[in-house]
Amino acid sequence: MNDALATGLGGLAVLVALIALRMPIAYAMILVGGVGVALLNGPDIFMSQLKTLAYGQFSIYDLSVVPMFVLMGAIATRAGLSRDLFRAAAAWLGWLPGGAAMSAIAACAGFGAVCGSSLATASTMGQVALPELRRLGYSDALATGTLAAGGVLGILIPPSVVLVIYAVIVEANIVTMFMAALIPGILAVLLFLATIALYVRLHPEAGPAAPRPTRAELTEASLRVLPVLGIFALVIGGIYLGFFNPTPAASIGAFLVWIYGAARGTVGLKALRGALLETARTTGMIYLILLGAEMLKIFMSRGGVPQAMAEWMANSGLAPMAALLILLAALIALGCLMDSLSMILLVIPFFWPALVEINGGDYVPAAEAAFGMTTEDLKVWFGILALIVVELGLITPPVGMNVFVISALSGGVPMRRTFLGVAPFFFAELIRVGLLIALPALTLWLPRALS
């Protein structure tokens, strides 16, 4: 082992220790990356990089979509979209056994399509749906478990901020990633609905059916949700069909959500100011993490850590699929300890080169590749798999951020019961991962069909 590699591995150990000591991950990456580059190449090189690194990182045009999608989600939270989505879903599904829980899943999917944040989806839908689930007599485990699991739909169903960040890291096309995420996102919703149906079949008392709505109630609920569906169709449909690039589409979406909230009287100047401040704080946090990740990547690259990992994986003798499963299992474990955005920025620069090396290199033809696909297809397929397993950390002990959020909103439900309630959804997600691994076409068909 050469000195540079030893320094890089030492820096990685220091980074893990700083994160364990609860230092914010952006500061930890900036500190380790800056000190590491100074040790390897001297302080002059480090100071020279600082002159242009932040500008070079933040001036990437693809990143301009991030504040727009964050703003759209912040306004949507204040506009009352979540309540309209849940009422419409409940009108159509609530009369079934477990129907209110199914309605919460459908509403989480709809709100995640506008919001793009798992924690925000879980928090907002928890406030809307939890009182109704309790009123209908749902068990604590099913009610809280459903909402915690429904939150994970926010990261994958486009638009998704984390999906954009992944695309920037591996230099994938954002529109292609959005296309690839749609079918896996729909598959998650269907599997979650099937999970609830099976659960209430085994435990009928856990999810009683609500009374059937009248035709007038069904019509009213459906009409109220039409503007939300229209906004989603315009934004995502416009991106898929090539009418907009992601940034203009996100801007249009944020504007329309504001108009919708203003027309309903839920988004006045005070609410709009709050949404703008929240967007500024969230975007600043994301960009600071991006800067730290870039500094860390430079240090690790000069230390040879990603290259060494890629070489070790390629020469390990592991079957390509076994290596992929190990990487995905590592992502699930790490997802229990940190948020999805931080983990994508921290881990993907190490895992992606290793996966490319296992596949046969950057320019290998699909017929000769270990995974039977080109590097461009691999980055799309792996990206969807990675985001799914990263989000599993949000419902997995010991941390499970979505579980913490829902438990706090539930006002007294023991966290153990929420983890028990979320367990069936965890296994449903493992089934989804298995299907996407066995059938890559579920991820790759739509981008190929629309390209």
Protein backbone atom coordinates (compact mmCIF):
# COMPACT_ATOMS: atom_id res chain seq x y z
CA MET A 1 0.00 0.00 0.00
CA ASN A 2 1.48 3.35 -1.04
CA ASP A 3 1.52 6.44 1.17
CA ALA A 4 -1.20 8.25 -0.81
CA LEU A 5 -3.61 5.32 -0.49
CA ALA A 6 -2.85 5.01 3.23
CA THR A 7 -3.59 8.72 3.66
CA GLY A 8 -6.85 8.35 1.75
CA LEU A 9 -7.99 5.37 3.84
CA GLY A 10 -6.99 7.23 7.01
CA GLY A 11 -9.06 10.20 5.89
CA LEU A 12 -12.03 7.91 5.29
CA ALA A 13 -11.72 6.56 8.84
CA VAL A 14 -11.54 10.10 10.23
CA LEU A 15 -14.66 11.04 8.23
CA VAL A 16 -16.62 8.10 9.67
CA ALA A 17 -15.48 9.08 13.17
CA LEU A 18 -16.55 12.71 12.70
CA ILE A 19 -19.97 11.64 11.43
CA ALA A 20 -20.32 9.28 14.41
CA LEU A 21 -19.52 12.25 16.67
CA ARG A 22 -22.51 14.07 15.09
CA MET A 23 -20.52 16.65 13.13
CA PRO A 24 -22.70 17.87 10.21
CA ILE A 25 -21.69 15.81 7.20
CA ALA A 26 -21.00 18.85 5.00
CA TYR A 27 -18.46 20.23 7.48
CA ALA A 28 -16.95 16.77 7.99
CA MET A 29 -16.40 16.29 4.25
CA ILE A 30 -14.99 19.81 3.79
CA LEU A 31 -12.60 19.33 6.71
CA VAL A 32 -11.38 15.88 5.68
CA GLY A 33 -11.19 16.78 1.98
CA GLY A 34 -9.35 20.05 2.57
CA VAL A 35 -6.83 18.66 5.05
CA GLY A 36 -6.33 15.56 2.89
CA VAL A 37 -5.51 17.52 -0.26
CA ALA A 38 -3.18 19.76 1.75
CA LEU A 39 -1.36 16.68 3.11
CA LEU A 40 -1.04 15.03 -0.29
CA ASN A 41 -0.27 18.03 -2.50
CA GLY A 42 0.56 20.89 -0.16
CA PRO A 43 -1.50 23.80 1.18
CA ASP A 44 -0.85 25.91 -1.94
CA ILE A 45 -2.73 23.44 -4.13
CA PHE A 46 -5.62 23.39 -1.65
CA MET A 47 -5.85 27.19 -1.54
CA SER A 48 -5.68 27.34 -5.33
CA GLN A 49 -8.59 24.93 -5.62
CA LEU A 50 -10.72 26.99 -3.25
CA LYS A 51 -10.61 29.93 -5.66
CA THR A 52 -12.64 28.16 -8.31
CA LEU A 53 -14.08 24.99 -6.79
CA ALA A 54 -17.27 26.47 -5.34
CA TYR A 55 -18.07 28.44 -8.50
CA GLY A 56 -17.31 25.49 -10.74
CA GLN A 57 -19.54 23.22 -8.67
CA PHE A 58 -22.50 25.56 -8.20
CA SER A 59 -22.56 26.89 -11.77
CA ILE A 60 -23.52 23.49 -13.21
CA TYR A 61 -26.77 24.18 -15.05
CA ASP A 62 -28.36 20.85 -14.12
CA LEU A 63 -28.21 21.85 -10.44
CA SER A 64 -30.46 24.85 -11.08
CA VAL A 65 -33.40 22.44 -11.01
CA VAL A 66 -32.79 21.72 -7.31
CA PRO A 67 -34.07 25.01 -5.79
CA MET A 68 -37.07 24.99 -8.15
CA PHE A 69 -38.20 21.53 -7.09
CA VAL A 70 -37.52 22.37 -3.44
CA LEU A 71 -39.64 25.52 -3.83
CA MET A 72 -42.44 23.56 -5.49
CA GLY A 73 -42.47 21.12 -2.58
CA ALA A 74 -42.36 23.90 0.02
CA ILE A 75 -45.33 25.70 -1.54
CA ALA A 76 -47.23 22.42 -2.03
CA THR A 77 -46.89 21.66 1.67
CA ARG A 78 -48.52 24.98 2.51
CA ALA A 79 -51.13 24.90 -0.26
CA GLY A 80 -53.17 21.99 1.10
CA LEU A 81 -52.45 19.62 -1.78
CA SER A 82 -51.91 16.74 0.61
CA ARG A 83 -55.41 17.04 2.06
CA ASP A 84 -57.06 17.13 -1.37
CA LEU A 85 -55.06 14.10 -2.51
CA PHE A 86 -55.98 12.09 0.56
CA ARG A 87 -59.69 12.98 0.35
CA ALA A 88 -59.84 12.00 -3.31
CA ALA A 89 -58.00 8.72 -2.69
CA ALA A 90 -60.23 7.99 0.31
CA ALA A 91 -63.36 8.61 -1.76
CA TRP A 92 -62.25 6.00 -4.30
CA LEU A 93 -60.56 3.44 -2.03
CA GLY A 94 -61.71 4.10 1.54
CA TRP A 95 -64.71 1.75 1.43
CA LEU A 96 -62.43 -1.27 0.92
CA PRO A 97 -60.99 -3.21 3.88
CA GLY A 98 -57.81 -1.32 4.65
CA GLY A 99 -58.97 1.31 2.18
CA ALA A 100 -57.98 4.33 4.28
CA ALA A 101 -54.43 3.00 4.53
CA MET A 102 -54.45 2.39 0.77
CA SER A 103 -55.66 5.96 0.33
CA ALA A 104 -52.73 7.20 2.40
CA ILE A 105 -50.31 5.31 0.12
CA ALA A 106 -51.93 6.74 -3.01
CA ALA A 107 -51.84 10.24 -1.53
CA CYS A 108 -48.18 9.82 -0.52
CA ALA A 109 -47.36 8.87 -4.10
CA GLY A 110 -49.21 11.90 -5.44
CA PHE A 111 -47.69 14.30 -2.95
CA GLY A 112 -44.22 12.82 -3.47
CA ALA A 113 -44.61 13.53 -7.18
CA VAL A 114 -44.97 17.22 -6.38
CA CYS A 115 -42.74 17.42 -3.30
CA GLY A 116 -39.83 15.06 -4.07
CA SER A 117 -38.79 14.64 -0.42
CA SER A 118 -39.37 11.50 1.64
CA LEU A 119 -39.28 13.16 5.05
CA ALA A 120 -41.57 15.98 3.92
CA THR A 121 -43.98 13.47 2.39
CA ALA A 122 -44.08 11.39 5.59
CA SER A 123 -44.49 14.46 7.81
CA THR A 124 -47.17 16.18 5.72
CA MET A 125 -49.23 13.08 4.99
CA GLY A 126 -48.90 11.98 8.61
CA GLN A 127 -50.59 15.17 9.77
CA VAL A 128 -53.38 14.71 7.23
CA ALA A 129 -54.04 10.96 7.28
CA LEU A 130 -53.20 9.84 10.83
CA PRO A 131 -56.26 11.44 12.50
CA GLU A 132 -58.55 9.81 9.92
CA LEU A 133 -56.95 6.39 10.34
CA ARG A 134 -57.39 6.66 14.09
CA ARG A 135 -61.01 7.81 13.74
CA LEU A 136 -61.77 4.71 11.68
CA GLY A 137 -60.22 2.43 14.31
CA TYR A 138 -57.06 1.34 12.48
CA SER A 139 -54.43 -0.41 14.58
CA ASP A 140 -51.50 1.75 15.63
CA ALA A 141 -49.04 -0.55 13.85
CA LEU A 142 -50.84 -0.44 10.49
CA ALA A 143 -51.60 3.30 10.65
CA THR A 144 -48.11 4.48 11.56
CA GLY A 145 -46.33 1.80 9.51
CA THR A 146 -48.29 2.73 6.38
CA LEU A 147 -47.42 6.42 6.68
CA ALA A 148 -43.75 5.78 7.45
CA ALA A 149 -43.49 3.47 4.44
CA GLY A 150 -45.51 5.79 2.21
CA GLY A 151 -42.93 8.50 2.80
CA VAL A 152 -40.25 6.55 0.92
CA LEU A 153 -42.23 7.04 -2.29
CA GLY A 154 -41.18 10.70 -2.27
CA ILE A 155 -37.60 10.09 -3.37
CA LEU A 156 -38.23 7.98 -6.46
CA ILE A 157 -41.46 9.12 -8.07
CA PRO A 158 -40.29 12.01 -10.24
CA PRO A 159 -39.47 14.77 -9.70
CA SER A 160 -36.84 13.89 -7.10
CA VAL A 161 -34.02 16.10 -5.83
CA VAL A 162 -31.88 13.10 -4.87
CA LEU A 163 -32.37 11.63 -8.34
CA VAL A 164 -31.06 14.89 -9.81
CA ILE A 165 -28.00 14.79 -7.53
CA TYR A 166 -27.27 11.18 -8.49
CA ALA A 167 -27.52 12.09 -12.18
CA VAL A 168 -25.02 14.93 -11.70
CA ILE A 169 -22.56 12.66 -9.84
CA VAL A 170 -22.48 9.90 -12.48
CA GLU A 171 -23.06 12.31 -15.41
CA ALA A 172 -26.39 10.76 -16.38
CA ASN A 173 -29.18 12.54 -18.21
CA ILE A 174 -31.72 13.88 -15.69
CA VAL A 175 -34.67 13.36 -18.05
CA THR A 176 -33.59 9.76 -18.63
CA MET A 177 -33.41 9.18 -14.88
CA PHE A 178 -36.91 10.65 -14.42
CA MET A 179 -38.23 8.34 -17.14
CA ALA A 180 -36.52 5.31 -15.61
CA ALA A 181 -38.02 6.05 -12.17
CA LEU A 182 -41.67 6.06 -13.25
CA ILE A 183 -42.37 2.33 -13.65
CA PRO A 184 -40.44 1.34 -10.47
CA GLY A 185 -42.37 4.07 -8.63
CA ILE A 186 -45.72 2.74 -9.84
CA LEU A 187 -44.57 -0.78 -8.96
CA ALA A 188 -43.87 0.37 -5.39
CA VAL A 189 -47.39 1.79 -5.06
CA LEU A 190 -48.94 -1.44 -6.34
CA LEU A 191 -46.84 -3.60 -4.00
CA PHE A 192 -47.71 -1.39 -1.03
CA LEU A 193 -51.43 -1.61 -1.84
CA ALA A 194 -51.12 -5.40 -2.14
CA THR A 195 -49.28 -5.49 1.20
CA ILE A 196 -52.12 -3.64 2.93
CA ALA A 197 -54.73 -5.89 1.29
CA LEU A 198 -52.89 -9.00 2.52
CA TYR A 199 -52.37 -7.53 6.00
CA VAL A 200 -56.05 -6.72 6.56
CA ARG A 201 -57.04 -10.12 5.16
CA LEU A 202 -54.92 -11.74 7.87
CA HIS A 203 -55.91 -9.16 10.53
CA PRO A 204 -59.37 -7.80 9.58
CA GLU A 205 -59.69 -5.80 12.79
CA ALA A 206 -56.55 -3.79 11.94
CA GLY A 207 -58.08 -1.92 9.01
CA PRO A 208 -61.90 -1.64 8.95
CA ALA A 209 -63.60 -0.30 5.86
CA ALA A 210 -65.09 3.19 5.81
CA PRO A 211 -68.67 3.86 4.63
CA ARG A 212 -69.13 4.19 0.87
CA PRO A 213 -69.19 7.83 -0.26
CA THR A 214 -72.19 9.25 -2.00
CA ARG A 215 -71.94 10.11 -5.69
CA ALA A 216 -71.84 13.81 -4.78
CA GLU A 217 -68.98 13.28 -2.32
CA LEU A 218 -67.04 11.24 -4.88
CA THR A 219 -67.52 13.89 -7.56
CA GLU A 220 -66.52 16.74 -5.26
CA ALA A 221 -63.36 14.99 -4.03
CA SER A 222 -62.36 14.08 -7.58
CA LEU A 223 -62.87 17.63 -8.88
CA ARG A 224 -60.78 19.11 -6.07
CA VAL A 225 -57.81 16.94 -6.96
CA LEU A 226 -57.90 17.64 -10.71
CA PRO A 227 -55.66 20.75 -10.47
CA VAL A 228 -53.00 18.71 -8.64
CA LEU A 229 -53.11 15.97 -11.27
CA GLY A 230 -52.98 18.61 -13.98
CA ILE A 231 -49.85 20.20 -12.51
CA PHE A 232 -48.14 16.81 -12.27
CA ALA A 233 -49.15 15.89 -15.83
CA LEU A 234 -47.89 19.21 -17.17
CA VAL A 235 -44.55 19.10 -15.37
CA ILE A 236 -43.65 15.42 -15.81
CA GLY A 237 -45.44 14.99 -19.13
CA GLY A 238 -43.71 18.09 -20.47
CA ILE A 239 -40.33 16.68 -19.44
CA TYR A 240 -41.01 13.22 -20.88
CA LEU A 241 -42.32 14.54 -24.18
CA GLY A 242 -39.47 17.00 -24.60
CA PHE A 243 -41.51 20.21 -24.26
CA PHE A 244 -39.44 21.42 -21.27
CA ASN A 245 -36.07 20.84 -19.78
CA PRO A 246 -36.24 19.95 -16.06
CA THR A 247 -35.40 23.46 -14.81
CA PRO A 248 -38.13 25.31 -16.76
CA ALA A 249 -40.56 22.49 -15.93
CA ALA A 250 -39.82 22.84 -12.21
CA SER A 251 -40.22 26.62 -12.45
CA ILE A 252 -43.61 26.23 -14.13
CA GLY A 253 -44.62 23.67 -11.52
CA ALA A 254 -43.65 25.95 -8.63
CA PHE A 255 -45.56 28.86 -10.20
CA LEU A 256 -48.70 26.78 -10.80
CA VAL A 257 -48.65 25.34 -7.27
CA TRP A 258 -48.39 28.91 -5.93
CA ILE A 259 -51.32 30.02 -8.12
CA TYR A 260 -53.32 27.02 -6.88
CA GLY A 261 -52.56 27.83 -3.25
CA ALA A 262 -53.27 31.53 -3.73
CA ALA A 263 -56.61 30.77 -5.40
CA ARG A 264 -57.58 28.58 -2.44
CA GLY A 265 -56.44 31.23 0.03
CA THR A 266 -53.88 28.92 1.66
CA VAL A 267 -50.73 30.55 0.27
CA GLY A 268 -50.67 34.26 1.04
CA LEU A 269 -47.62 36.49 1.26
CA LYS A 270 -46.65 35.13 4.69
CA ALA A 271 -46.81 31.51 3.51
CA LEU A 272 -44.94 32.37 0.31
CA ARG A 273 -42.22 34.10 2.32
CA GLY A 274 -41.95 31.01 4.54
CA ALA A 275 -41.66 28.77 1.47
CA LEU A 276 -38.93 30.96 -0.01
CA LEU A 277 -36.96 30.97 3.25
CA GLU A 278 -37.32 27.21 3.57
CA THR A 279 -36.13 26.83 -0.02
CA ALA A 280 -33.11 29.03 0.66
CA ARG A 281 -32.16 27.06 3.78
CA THR A 282 -32.63 23.67 2.13
CA THR A 283 -30.83 24.64 -1.07
CA GLY A 284 -27.95 26.16 0.90
CA MET A 285 -27.63 22.94 2.88
CA ILE A 286 -27.68 20.83 -0.30
CA TYR A 287 -25.10 22.99 -2.05
CA LEU A 288 -22.81 22.98 0.98
CA ILE A 289 -22.97 19.17 1.05
CA LEU A 290 -22.22 19.17 -2.69
CA LEU A 291 -19.15 21.32 -2.11
CA GLY A 292 -17.96 19.04 0.69
CA ALA A 293 -18.55 15.96 -1.46
CA GLU A 294 -16.51 17.46 -4.30
CA MET A 295 -13.61 18.29 -1.97
CA LEU A 296 -13.73 14.80 -0.51
CA LYS A 297 -13.88 13.26 -3.99
CA ILE A 298 -10.76 15.16 -5.06
CA PHE A 299 -8.89 14.00 -1.97
CA MET A 300 -9.98 10.38 -2.33
CA SER A 301 -9.21 10.35 -6.06
CA ARG A 302 -5.70 11.67 -5.45
CA GLY A 303 -5.28 9.12 -2.70
CA GLY A 304 -6.39 6.38 -5.10
CA VAL A 305 -9.19 5.04 -2.85
CA PRO A 306 -11.94 4.68 -5.52
CA GLN A 307 -9.45 3.18 -7.96
CA ALA A 308 -8.23 0.71 -5.34
CA MET A 309 -11.80 -0.27 -4.47
CA ALA A 310 -12.68 -0.76 -8.14
CA GLU A 311 -9.58 -2.88 -8.71
CA TRP A 312 -10.26 -4.96 -5.60
CA MET A 313 -13.88 -5.61 -6.60
CA ALA A 314 -12.88 -6.54 -10.15
CA ASN A 315 -10.18 -8.96 -8.94
CA SER A 316 -12.12 -10.38 -6.00
CA GLY A 317 -13.47 -13.31 -7.97
CA LEU A 318 -17.04 -12.44 -6.99
CA ALA A 319 -19.76 -12.96 -9.58
CA PRO A 320 -20.98 -9.59 -10.91
CA MET A 321 -24.44 -10.06 -9.41
CA ALA A 322 -22.96 -11.02 -6.03
CA ALA A 323 -20.84 -7.86 -6.07
CA LEU A 324 -23.95 -5.79 -6.89
CA LEU A 325 -25.88 -7.35 -4.01
CA ILE A 326 -23.01 -6.58 -1.62
CA LEU A 327 -23.02 -2.92 -2.70
CA LEU A 328 -26.80 -2.70 -2.29
CA ALA A 329 -26.65 -4.33 1.14
CA ALA A 330 -23.99 -1.80 2.17
CA LEU A 331 -26.28 1.02 1.03
CA ILE A 332 -29.14 -0.34 3.16
CA ALA A 333 -26.85 -0.51 6.20
CA LEU A 334 -25.48 3.00 5.66
CA GLY A 335 -28.99 4.32 5.07
CA CYS A 336 -29.79 3.47 8.68
CA LEU A 337 -27.17 5.98 9.83
CA MET A 338 -27.46 9.05 7.58
CA ASP A 339 -29.90 10.82 5.29
CA SER A 340 -30.29 9.74 1.67
CA LEU A 341 -28.76 12.83 0.05
CA SER A 342 -25.62 12.74 2.18
CA MET A 343 -25.17 9.04 1.57
CA ILE A 344 -25.59 9.32 -2.20
CA LEU A 345 -22.96 12.07 -2.28
CA LEU A 346 -20.61 10.18 0.03
CA VAL A 347 -20.87 6.63 -1.29
CA ILE A 348 -21.67 6.75 -5.02
CA PRO A 349 -18.22 8.19 -5.98
CA PHE A 350 -16.74 4.98 -4.51
CA PHE A 351 -19.32 2.43 -5.62
CA TRP A 352 -19.88 3.65 -9.17
CA PRO A 353 -16.25 3.22 -10.42
CA ALA A 354 -16.20 -0.26 -8.87
CA LEU A 355 -19.40 -1.21 -10.68
CA VAL A 356 -18.08 0.12 -14.01
CA GLU A 357 -14.89 -1.91 -13.55
CA ILE A 358 -16.89 -5.05 -12.80
CA ASN A 359 -19.04 -4.45 -15.89
CA GLY A 360 -15.93 -4.34 -18.09
CA GLY A 361 -15.04 -0.67 -18.37
CA ASP A 362 -16.54 2.58 -19.64
CA TYR A 363 -16.94 1.66 -23.29
CA VAL A 364 -17.70 -2.06 -23.17
CA PRO A 365 -20.41 -3.22 -25.64
CA ALA A 366 -23.54 -4.65 -24.07
CA ALA A 367 -22.82 -8.12 -25.51
CA GLU A 368 -19.46 -8.28 -23.68
CA ALA A 369 -20.51 -6.55 -20.44
CA ALA A 370 -20.79 -8.49 -17.19
CA PHE A 371 -24.31 -7.14 -16.58
CA GLY A 372 -25.33 -7.38 -20.23
CA MET A 373 -25.71 -3.62 -20.66
CA THR A 374 -23.66 -0.60 -21.62
CA THR A 375 -22.27 1.84 -19.06
CA GLU A 376 -25.04 4.34 -19.90
CA ASP A 377 -27.74 1.77 -19.19
CA LEU A 378 -25.88 0.57 -16.09
CA LYS A 379 -25.81 4.03 -14.51
CA VAL A 380 -29.58 4.33 -14.98
CA TRP A 381 -30.37 0.83 -13.69
CA PHE A 382 -28.00 1.05 -10.73
CA GLY A 383 -29.21 4.56 -9.89
CA ILE A 384 -32.81 3.41 -9.46
CA LEU A 385 -31.73 0.41 -7.39
CA ALA A 386 -29.44 2.56 -5.25
CA LEU A 387 -32.14 5.13 -4.50
CA ILE A 388 -34.62 2.41 -3.51
CA VAL A 389 -32.27 0.71 -1.06
CA VAL A 390 -31.05 4.05 0.31
CA GLU A 391 -34.62 4.91 1.20
CA LEU A 392 -35.04 1.59 2.96
CA GLY A 393 -32.77 3.06 5.61
CA LEU A 394 -35.54 5.54 6.43
CA ILE A 395 -37.72 2.70 7.72
CA THR A 396 -35.00 0.43 9.11
CA PRO A 397 -33.76 0.28 12.73
CA PRO A 398 -31.91 1.68 14.57
CA VAL A 399 -32.47 5.15 13.09
CA GLY A 400 -35.35 5.00 10.57
CA MET A 401 -35.96 8.74 10.15
CA ASN A 402 -39.47 8.27 8.71
CA VAL A 403 -40.36 6.14 11.72
CA PHE A 404 -39.11 8.88 14.07
CA VAL A 405 -41.20 11.48 12.23
CA ILE A 406 -44.41 9.44 12.30
CA SER A 407 -43.87 8.36 15.92
CA ALA A 408 -43.50 12.01 16.92
CA LEU A 409 -46.74 12.88 15.11
CA SER A 410 -48.63 9.91 16.58
CA GLY A 411 -48.34 11.25 20.12
CA GLY A 412 -47.62 8.14 22.12
CA VAL A 413 -47.41 5.16 19.77
CA PRO A 414 -44.29 3.21 20.80
CA MET A 415 -41.63 3.21 18.10
CA ARG A 416 -41.45 -0.57 18.36
CA ARG A 417 -45.04 -0.83 17.11
CA THR A 418 -44.29 1.46 14.18
CA PHE A 419 -41.29 -0.66 13.22
CA LEU A 420 -43.52 -3.75 13.42
CA GLY A 421 -46.08 -2.03 11.21
CA VAL A 422 -43.49 -1.01 8.64
CA ALA A 423 -41.89 -4.49 8.42
CA PRO A 424 -44.32 -5.86 5.76
CA PHE A 425 -43.58 -2.84 3.56
CA PHE A 426 -39.84 -3.43 3.98
CA PHE A 427 -40.27 -6.94 2.59
CA ALA A 428 -42.42 -5.55 -0.23
CA GLU A 429 -39.54 -3.23 -1.11
CA LEU A 430 -37.14 -6.18 -1.15
CA ILE A 431 -39.50 -7.88 -3.63
CA ARG A 432 -39.39 -4.73 -5.78
CA VAL A 433 -35.59 -4.70 -5.71
CA GLY A 434 -35.56 -8.37 -6.69
CA LEU A 435 -37.92 -7.72 -9.62
CA LEU A 436 -35.84 -4.78 -10.88
CA ILE A 437 -32.64 -6.84 -10.66
CA ALA A 438 -34.20 -9.83 -12.43
CA LEU A 439 -35.97 -7.66 -15.02
CA PRO A 440 -33.84 -4.59 -15.89
CA ALA A 441 -36.37 -3.77 -18.62
CA LEU A 442 -38.73 -2.48 -15.90
CA THR A 443 -36.25 0.35 -15.46
CA LEU A 444 -34.83 0.73 -18.97
CA TRP A 445 -37.86 0.22 -21.20
CA LEU A 446 -39.48 3.65 -20.85
CA PRO A 447 -36.30 5.70 -21.47
CA ARG A 448 -35.61 3.60 -24.57
CA ALA A 449 -39.20 3.90 -25.79
CA LEU A 450 -39.30 7.70 -25.40
CA SER A 451 -35.76 8.46 -26.59
